[in-house]
Amino acid sequence: MGVWGKVTESIDEFIYYLAVERGLAENTLVSYRQDLTDYLAFCRECGLNSLEQADKNAILSYLYKMQFEGRSPSTISRRLAAMRSYYKYLVIENILQKDPTADLEFPKLVQKLPRVLTVEEMDHLLGQPLISEPAGIRDKAMLELLYATGIRVSELVSLNLEHVNLENGIIRCFGKGAKERIVPLGDVAVRYLGEYLARGRSKLKKTSNTSALFVNHLGRRLTRQGFWKIIKRYAVKGKIDKEITPHTFRHSFATHLLENGADLRSVQEMLGHADISTTQIYTHLTRQRLKEVYTRSHPRA
């Protein structure tokens, strides 16, 4: 096995360590593996013969390369986080003597503000499903639930029947790192979830004995890809001239809460953010919206 073959093996061991010791979610593990594989390919392209030769300058070159390619700030930050964790692991395991990312300073990245729908656009989108049909009432319940809670689409499709308590108006979901949290539901989401359970799910589920809350036309658990297609279809049907993804609901949920006076800590808890700095991006967004309203409305703006 060559030098880089041993590095690839160490990446496998690092991912296993993250899964077992730190309990990171599968999606995070997949992203970290891809990030490190991409970094490894860059090192080879630069003619480096080992990780020992990948000093700070090499790492900075890689980060600047991604910036030049137009990678999003969040992608660059995640890859840097993956590299920092990986190098720290290599030092702990005595594979490397020194961590080149230990005191690495990289220019602060400009955070791209997420796209959100206005309240009117969200109302219009939520009105698209035909609730007279089983699939339509399912879609209505899913969209209302997503907007009511701000949960991630991976959390949405992972919900089981036992995770929903309509009587108390709450759901129990599991976020990154399998961290459990309780999120309240609004009256509208409770109503349409109840209707879906009463007259939609059993017709879609057919003879399947799945515990999944949301199922597809085959009676199996709905996938993230399946939900993505549903979102796209209703965006086209509603003629909404904005790029809409499942995460648009999460961004809109947080922004609309803050615009209507919710405190940042509560929004952080509902979103399941480990660090409040992640949630603070929405305060920048609401300030921007306020400025737009002021500019449009004030006679001397």
Foldseek 3Di string as FASTA:
>chain_A
DFQVVVVLVLLVVLLVCCCPVVLWDPVLSVLLNVLVVVLSVQCVVVVHRHVVPCALVNVLVVLVVCVVVVPAPVSSVSSLVSLQSSLVVCCVVVVDVDRRCPPRDDPDDDHDFDDADDPVVLVLLLPQFDCVALVSLLLNLLSLQCLFQLEALVFSLPDFPVQDDLVQQWGWTADTSRDIAITGGDPVSSVSLVVSVVPHLCCQLPPPPDRTSHDHNVNHRQDQVNSQVVSVVSCVVSVPPDDDGSNNSSLHSLLVCVLVPDDQVVNCRSHVPPDSVVSCSSVVVNVVVVVVCCVVPPPVD
